[in-house]
Amino acid sequence: MISTADPTVSVIIPVHNGGAYFRTCLSKLAQAVPRPIEIIVVADGESDGSWRLANEFGAKVIRIPECGGPARARNLGAQAAKGDILFFVDADVAVCPEAVGYAISVFKNNPYLAAFIGSYDDAPGDPDFLSQYRNLLHHYVHQTGNEEASTFWGACGVIRREIFLQMGGFNESYRQASIEDIEFGYRLKQAGYNIRLCKTLQVKHLKQWKPMGMVKADFFYRALPWTELIWRDRKLNNDLNLQVSNRISVILTYAVLLAILGTCWSLSFLLLAGLLAIPLVAINAPLYRFFHRKHGILFALKTIPWHWLFYFYSGLAFAIGTGRYLYQKKPVTGKVSLPVSAQ
């Protein structure tokens, strides 16, 4: 028999050194209507006093002496949670006041739904160009993705606690902020559970992106392990960053690059590079039009080389990750466990 009572919500936030972003995160959660029954902050080896700030906001605090990564921190928070629903939020994310109520409504109206994820909004917190580009790109990818989601998302991910514990939580072998949420989503889908992408639930990403940090995160902590996960599960979904149009764009990006290199032998290759760039722009035109609508033509033009750079290193990571997987002849595995105690 399905209960008609409103499910209860526990918000779980892993934090290393949260700084000003974390204060904003907690401030916005304090405005939630209705309030979650608890906010659990897992201070993951932090050294900036984030745990004290969490105490000031009345959160339940779990402290880990050494940084073990957000996967372990979220698992600890989930084990300590009392709510029917686990609402995972990153420490550099600001939720809207209606978010908790929205989560309750979704699960109450969809009793057989296991989990759902939200999206970044189209007004990123940091005003600089790279942060606007990166967060707007993430917003666009989610807003144009399939509502029947193929994965999970830790920055704004909501799941029934019973199912989360039954699945063993996040894979703790990911010691950095990586693809632990994607891997968990793949396991959820393989177990037959439904995950929904709720595009109306949008949160604000406050993070300021720097060029080297962005490329490092994309290449080492996302693209490389994601490639090995794809090979492990033999699963290449036509969704989000894995859409067929993105795969074609990677091929075209390398074709343009090779044509440009060919100009060292003959300038006629320059014409070929220009011809190859036309379909690359055309395939991604909806995204560039979106950038244009948000910040104008100059902003949209500036995003193109960054977007093509993304295709370049994503393709490179896929090639390296594939080679590494084939050489090792074994998938990436790691013990998935929920710790039994916390300080």
Protein backbone atom coordinates (compact mmCIF):
# COMPACT_ATOMS: atom_id res chain seq x y z
CA MET A 1 0.00 0.00 0.00
CA ILE A 2 1.41 3.40 -1.02
CA SER A 3 1.60 5.99 1.76
CA THR A 4 -0.19 9.30 1.16
CA ALA A 5 1.91 11.16 3.75
CA ASP A 6 4.47 13.67 2.52
CA PRO A 7 7.95 12.12 2.42
CA THR A 8 10.61 13.76 4.59
CA VAL A 9 13.78 15.27 3.12
CA SER A 10 17.37 15.19 4.36
CA VAL A 11 19.74 17.56 2.55
CA ILE A 12 23.33 16.30 2.34
CA ILE A 13 26.26 18.60 1.52
CA PRO A 14 29.87 17.42 1.23
CA VAL A 15 32.33 20.26 1.79
CA HIS A 16 36.12 20.49 1.74
CA ASN A 17 36.99 24.18 2.04
CA GLY A 18 33.76 25.87 1.10
CA GLY A 19 34.57 29.54 1.66
CA ALA A 20 32.06 32.19 0.66
CA TYR A 21 30.28 29.82 -1.74
CA PHE A 22 29.39 27.55 1.16
CA ARG A 23 27.90 30.41 3.18
CA THR A 24 25.68 31.29 0.22
CA CYS A 25 24.70 27.63 -0.14
CA LEU A 26 23.62 27.43 3.51
CA SER A 27 21.91 30.83 3.40
CA LYS A 28 19.73 29.77 0.50
CA LEU A 29 18.85 26.47 2.13
CA ALA A 30 17.79 28.40 5.24
CA GLN A 31 15.08 30.01 3.07
CA ALA A 32 13.63 26.68 1.94
CA VAL A 33 9.86 26.30 2.29
CA PRO A 34 9.09 23.78 3.59
CA ARG A 35 12.27 23.16 5.54
CA PRO A 36 14.03 19.82 5.24
CA ILE A 37 13.93 17.79 8.45
CA GLU A 38 17.73 18.11 8.58
CA ILE A 39 20.73 19.48 6.75
CA ILE A 40 23.74 17.19 7.06
CA VAL A 41 27.12 18.72 6.29
CA VAL A 42 30.03 16.32 5.89
CA ALA A 43 33.25 18.30 6.45
CA ASP A 44 35.71 16.35 4.32
CA GLY A 45 39.16 17.13 5.72
CA GLU A 46 38.44 20.87 5.63
CA SER A 47 40.79 23.45 7.13
CA ASP A 48 38.90 26.73 6.72
CA GLY A 49 36.30 26.33 9.47
CA SER A 50 33.48 25.26 7.17
CA TRP A 51 32.20 22.92 9.89
CA ARG A 52 31.82 25.85 12.29
CA LEU A 53 29.83 27.76 9.69
CA ALA A 54 27.58 24.73 9.24
CA ASN A 55 27.00 24.66 13.01
CA GLU A 56 26.00 28.32 12.94
CA PHE A 57 23.26 27.45 10.44
CA GLY A 58 22.03 24.59 12.61
CA ALA A 59 23.24 21.79 10.39
CA LYS A 60 24.19 18.37 11.65
CA VAL A 61 27.95 18.12 11.12
CA ILE A 62 30.03 15.03 10.43
CA ARG A 63 33.76 15.68 10.41
CA ILE A 64 36.29 13.55 8.53
CA PRO A 65 39.93 14.25 9.55
CA GLU A 66 41.41 13.53 6.10
CA CYS A 67 39.92 14.36 2.74
CA GLY A 68 38.49 11.23 1.14
CA GLY A 69 36.43 12.76 -1.65
CA PRO A 70 32.75 13.64 -2.08
CA ALA A 71 31.71 10.02 -2.74
CA ARG A 72 32.72 8.93 0.75
CA ALA A 73 31.37 12.14 2.28
CA ARG A 74 27.95 11.72 0.66
CA ASN A 75 27.83 8.08 1.75
CA LEU A 76 28.49 9.11 5.34
CA GLY A 77 25.77 11.72 5.17
CA ALA A 78 23.32 9.22 3.70
CA GLN A 79 23.97 6.72 6.46
CA ALA A 80 23.32 9.36 9.13
CA ALA A 81 20.19 10.72 7.40
CA LYS A 82 16.71 10.14 8.77
CA GLY A 83 14.64 11.44 5.85
CA ASP A 84 12.79 9.33 3.31
CA ILE A 85 14.48 11.36 0.57
CA LEU A 86 18.15 12.25 0.20
CA PHE A 87 18.70 15.61 -1.48
CA PHE A 88 22.37 15.93 -2.49
CA VAL A 89 23.66 19.47 -2.99
CA ASP A 90 27.21 20.65 -3.69
CA ALA A 91 28.77 23.24 -1.39
CA ASP A 92 29.14 25.74 -4.26
CA VAL A 93 25.50 25.51 -5.33
CA ALA A 94 22.59 27.75 -4.29
CA VAL A 95 19.11 26.20 -4.37
CA CYS A 96 15.85 28.10 -4.80
CA PRO A 97 13.44 28.29 -1.81
CA GLU A 98 10.99 25.95 -3.57
CA ALA A 99 13.51 23.15 -4.17
CA VAL A 100 12.68 21.01 -1.13
CA GLY A 101 8.95 21.34 -1.69
CA TYR A 102 9.47 20.47 -5.34
CA ALA A 103 11.32 17.28 -4.36
CA ILE A 104 8.52 16.27 -2.02
CA SER A 105 5.91 16.90 -4.71
CA VAL A 106 7.78 14.89 -7.36
CA PHE A 107 8.10 11.80 -5.22
CA LYS A 108 4.59 12.07 -3.79
CA ASN A 109 3.12 12.25 -7.28
CA ASN A 110 5.44 9.58 -8.71
CA PRO A 111 5.54 6.78 -6.12
CA TYR A 112 7.55 4.45 -8.37
CA LEU A 113 10.24 6.99 -9.30
CA ALA A 114 13.63 6.16 -7.76
CA ALA A 115 15.54 9.37 -8.32
CA PHE A 116 15.69 12.62 -10.23
CA ILE A 117 18.22 15.30 -11.02
CA GLY A 118 17.98 19.02 -11.66
CA SER A 119 19.98 21.47 -13.75
CA TYR A 120 22.12 24.56 -13.36
CA ASP A 121 20.18 27.74 -14.08
CA ASP A 122 20.97 30.20 -16.88
CA ALA A 123 22.32 32.90 -14.55
CA PRO A 124 25.65 31.59 -13.18
CA GLY A 125 26.92 33.19 -10.00
CA ASP A 126 30.35 34.32 -11.22
CA PRO A 127 30.34 37.07 -13.87
CA ASP A 128 33.63 36.35 -15.66
CA PHE A 129 33.56 34.98 -19.20
CA LEU A 130 34.87 31.48 -18.62
CA SER A 131 32.55 30.82 -15.67
CA GLN A 132 29.56 32.09 -17.64
CA TYR A 133 30.52 29.96 -20.64
CA ARG A 134 31.13 26.78 -18.67
CA ASN A 135 28.02 26.96 -16.50
CA LEU A 136 25.75 28.05 -19.34
CA LEU A 137 27.07 25.12 -21.39
CA HIS A 138 26.16 22.78 -18.54
CA HIS A 139 22.70 24.38 -18.32
CA TYR A 140 22.14 23.97 -22.06
CA VAL A 141 23.24 20.32 -22.09
CA HIS A 142 20.80 19.44 -19.31
CA GLN A 143 17.95 21.52 -20.70
CA THR A 144 18.24 19.75 -24.06
CA GLY A 145 18.78 16.28 -22.56
CA ASN A 146 16.31 13.42 -22.35
CA GLU A 147 13.86 13.65 -19.45
CA GLU A 148 14.29 9.92 -18.97
CA ALA A 149 17.79 10.40 -17.58
CA SER A 150 20.61 7.93 -18.12
CA THR A 151 22.64 8.95 -15.07
CA PHE A 152 22.67 10.71 -11.70
CA TRP A 153 24.08 14.12 -10.70
CA GLY A 154 25.59 14.89 -7.31
CA ALA A 155 25.32 18.69 -7.47
CA CYS A 156 21.51 18.54 -7.42
CA GLY A 157 20.43 14.93 -7.16
CA VAL A 158 17.47 13.54 -5.23
CA ILE A 159 16.86 9.88 -4.43
CA ARG A 160 14.84 7.68 -2.10
CA ARG A 161 17.07 6.82 0.85
CA GLU A 162 16.05 3.16 0.88
CA ILE A 163 17.13 2.71 -2.74
CA PHE A 164 20.38 4.62 -2.24
CA LEU A 165 21.39 2.36 0.65
CA GLN A 166 20.26 -0.75 -1.21
CA MET A 167 22.53 0.20 -4.14
CA GLY A 168 25.53 0.64 -1.82
CA GLY A 169 25.93 4.37 -2.36
CA PHE A 170 28.64 6.08 -4.39
CA ASN A 171 31.81 4.27 -5.43
CA GLU A 172 34.43 5.47 -2.95
CA SER A 173 37.35 4.54 -5.19
CA TYR A 174 36.81 7.97 -6.77
CA ARG A 175 38.88 10.05 -4.35
CA GLN A 176 38.33 13.37 -6.16
CA ALA A 177 35.21 15.11 -7.39
CA SER A 178 34.90 12.95 -10.47
CA ILE A 179 32.25 10.75 -12.08
CA GLU A 180 31.10 9.01 -8.93
CA ASP A 181 27.58 10.30 -9.58
CA ILE A 182 27.60 9.12 -13.20
CA GLU A 183 28.83 5.67 -12.18
CA PHE A 184 26.12 5.49 -9.52
CA GLY A 185 23.49 6.47 -12.09
CA TYR A 186 24.65 3.72 -14.43
CA ARG A 187 24.27 1.16 -11.65
CA LEU A 188 20.80 2.50 -10.84
CA LYS A 189 19.70 2.10 -14.44
CA GLN A 190 21.20 -1.38 -14.68
CA ALA A 191 19.20 -2.35 -11.60
CA GLY A 192 16.02 -1.30 -13.40
CA TYR A 193 15.34 1.97 -11.56
CA ASN A 194 14.00 5.09 -13.25
CA ILE A 195 15.84 8.43 -13.06
CA ARG A 196 14.18 11.60 -14.29
CA LEU A 197 15.75 14.85 -15.42
CA CYS A 198 13.46 17.55 -13.98
CA LYS A 199 14.40 20.60 -16.02
CA THR A 200 12.28 22.97 -13.96
CA LEU A 201 14.37 22.34 -10.84
CA GLN A 202 17.32 24.66 -11.40
CA VAL A 203 20.13 25.61 -9.05
CA LYS A 204 22.75 28.32 -9.32
CA HIS A 205 26.40 27.31 -9.67
CA LEU A 206 28.56 29.83 -7.81
CA LYS A 207 31.99 28.52 -8.79
CA GLN A 208 34.56 30.61 -10.61
CA TRP A 209 36.26 28.55 -13.31
CA LYS A 210 39.90 29.09 -14.26
CA PRO A 211 41.34 27.78 -17.56
CA MET A 212 43.78 25.21 -16.16
CA GLY A 213 41.39 24.05 -13.46
CA MET A 214 38.61 23.55 -15.99
CA VAL A 215 40.76 21.56 -18.43
CA LYS A 216 42.27 19.47 -15.63
CA ALA A 217 38.86 18.63 -14.19
CA ASP A 218 37.37 17.82 -17.59
CA PHE A 219 40.30 15.71 -18.76
CA PHE A 220 41.55 13.83 -15.70
CA TYR A 221 38.49 13.66 -13.45
CA ARG A 222 35.71 13.32 -16.01
CA ALA A 223 36.66 12.31 -19.55
CA LEU A 224 39.32 9.71 -18.71
CA PRO A 225 37.37 7.83 -16.00
CA TRP A 226 34.13 8.23 -17.97
CA THR A 227 35.77 6.54 -20.97
CA GLU A 228 36.76 3.59 -18.82
CA LEU A 229 33.25 3.47 -17.36
CA ILE A 230 31.79 3.36 -20.89
CA TRP A 231 34.03 0.42 -21.73
CA ARG A 232 33.26 -1.29 -18.42
CA ASP A 233 29.51 -1.15 -18.98
CA ARG A 234 29.62 -1.19 -22.80
CA LYS A 235 27.19 1.72 -22.62
CA LEU A 236 27.40 4.76 -24.91
CA ASN A 237 24.14 6.67 -24.44
CA ASN A 238 22.84 9.19 -26.94
CA ASP A 239 22.27 11.73 -24.19
CA LEU A 240 23.87 14.77 -22.53
CA ASN A 241 27.60 15.01 -23.44
CA LEU A 242 27.48 11.69 -25.29
CA GLN A 243 25.00 12.70 -27.98
CA VAL A 244 25.79 11.62 -31.53
CA SER A 245 26.18 15.29 -32.52
CA ASN A 246 28.96 15.65 -29.94
CA ARG A 247 30.77 12.58 -31.25
CA ILE A 248 30.60 13.94 -34.80
CA SER A 249 31.85 17.30 -33.52
CA VAL A 250 34.91 15.63 -31.99
CA ILE A 251 35.74 14.02 -35.36
CA LEU A 252 35.25 17.31 -37.20
CA THR A 253 37.41 19.18 -34.66
CA TYR A 254 40.31 16.82 -35.34
CA ALA A 255 39.71 17.05 -39.08
CA VAL A 256 39.92 20.87 -38.88
CA LEU A 257 43.09 20.63 -36.79
CA LEU A 258 44.75 18.21 -39.23
CA ALA A 259 43.81 20.47 -42.14
CA ILE A 260 45.37 23.45 -40.36
CA LEU A 261 48.55 21.44 -39.76
CA GLY A 262 48.49 20.57 -43.44
CA THR A 263 49.05 24.24 -44.31
CA CYS A 264 52.70 23.64 -43.38
CA TRP A 265 52.94 21.77 -46.70
CA SER A 266 50.31 23.53 -48.78
CA LEU A 267 48.10 26.58 -48.26
CA SER A 268 45.30 24.74 -50.05
CA PHE A 269 44.69 22.92 -46.76
CA LEU A 270 43.49 26.24 -45.34
CA LEU A 271 40.50 26.09 -47.66
CA LEU A 272 39.83 22.53 -46.53
CA ALA A 273 39.95 23.64 -42.88
CA GLY A 274 37.39 26.34 -43.63
CA LEU A 275 35.09 23.88 -45.39
CA LEU A 276 35.32 21.42 -42.48
CA ALA A 277 34.59 24.20 -39.99
CA ILE A 278 31.23 24.92 -41.66
CA PRO A 279 29.49 21.65 -40.58
CA LEU A 280 31.17 21.90 -37.15
CA VAL A 281 29.57 25.31 -36.62
CA ALA A 282 26.28 24.16 -38.12
CA ILE A 283 25.95 21.14 -35.81
CA ASN A 284 26.53 23.34 -32.77
CA ALA A 285 24.56 26.35 -34.04
CA PRO A 286 21.69 25.91 -31.53
CA LEU A 287 24.17 26.17 -28.67
CA TYR A 288 25.87 29.23 -30.15
CA ARG A 289 22.48 30.86 -30.69
CA PHE A 290 21.73 30.21 -27.02
CA PHE A 291 24.97 31.95 -26.03
CA HIS A 292 24.02 34.82 -28.33
CA ARG A 293 20.65 35.21 -26.65
CA LYS A 294 22.23 35.26 -23.21
CA HIS A 295 25.18 37.62 -23.72
CA GLY A 296 25.33 38.84 -27.31
CA ILE A 297 27.26 38.08 -30.46
CA LEU A 298 30.76 38.81 -29.11
CA PHE A 299 30.28 36.43 -26.20
CA ALA A 300 28.97 33.72 -28.55
CA LEU A 301 31.97 34.13 -30.86
CA LYS A 302 34.38 33.92 -27.92
CA THR A 303 32.86 30.62 -26.80
CA ILE A 304 33.58 28.85 -30.09
CA PRO A 305 37.34 28.25 -29.61
CA TRP A 306 36.73 27.16 -26.01
CA HIS A 307 34.01 24.79 -27.17
CA TRP A 308 36.24 23.32 -29.86
CA LEU A 309 39.03 22.97 -27.30
CA PHE A 310 36.57 20.97 -25.20
CA TYR A 311 35.95 18.66 -28.15
CA PHE A 312 39.71 18.35 -28.70
CA TYR A 313 40.67 17.23 -25.21
CA SER A 314 37.53 15.13 -24.81
CA GLY A 315 38.48 13.19 -27.93
CA LEU A 316 42.07 12.88 -26.74
CA ALA A 317 40.91 11.60 -23.34
CA PHE A 318 38.63 9.05 -25.02
CA ALA A 319 41.52 7.75 -27.12
CA ILE A 320 43.88 7.54 -24.13
CA GLY A 321 41.23 6.03 -21.88
CA THR A 322 40.35 3.43 -24.52
CA GLY A 323 44.00 2.52 -24.99
CA ARG A 324 44.53 2.25 -21.27
CA TYR A 325 41.45 0.08 -20.85
CA LEU A 326 42.43 -2.27 -23.66
CA TYR A 327 45.97 -2.52 -22.30
CA GLN A 328 44.81 -3.36 -18.80
CA LYS A 329 42.07 -5.69 -20.06
CA LYS A 330 40.02 -5.00 -16.97
CA PRO A 331 37.39 -2.41 -15.91
CA VAL A 332 37.77 0.28 -13.26
CA THR A 333 36.44 -1.21 -10.05
CA GLY A 334 36.38 -0.19 -6.45
CA LYS A 335 34.82 -1.32 -3.26
CA VAL A 336 31.50 0.40 -2.70
CA SER A 337 30.70 0.65 0.96
CA LEU A 338 28.86 2.76 3.46
CA PRO A 339 30.99 3.49 6.54
CA VAL A 340 29.49 2.40 9.81
CA SER A 341 30.67 5.25 11.99
CA ALA A 342 31.63 8.89 11.83
CA GLN A 343 33.43 11.26 14.13
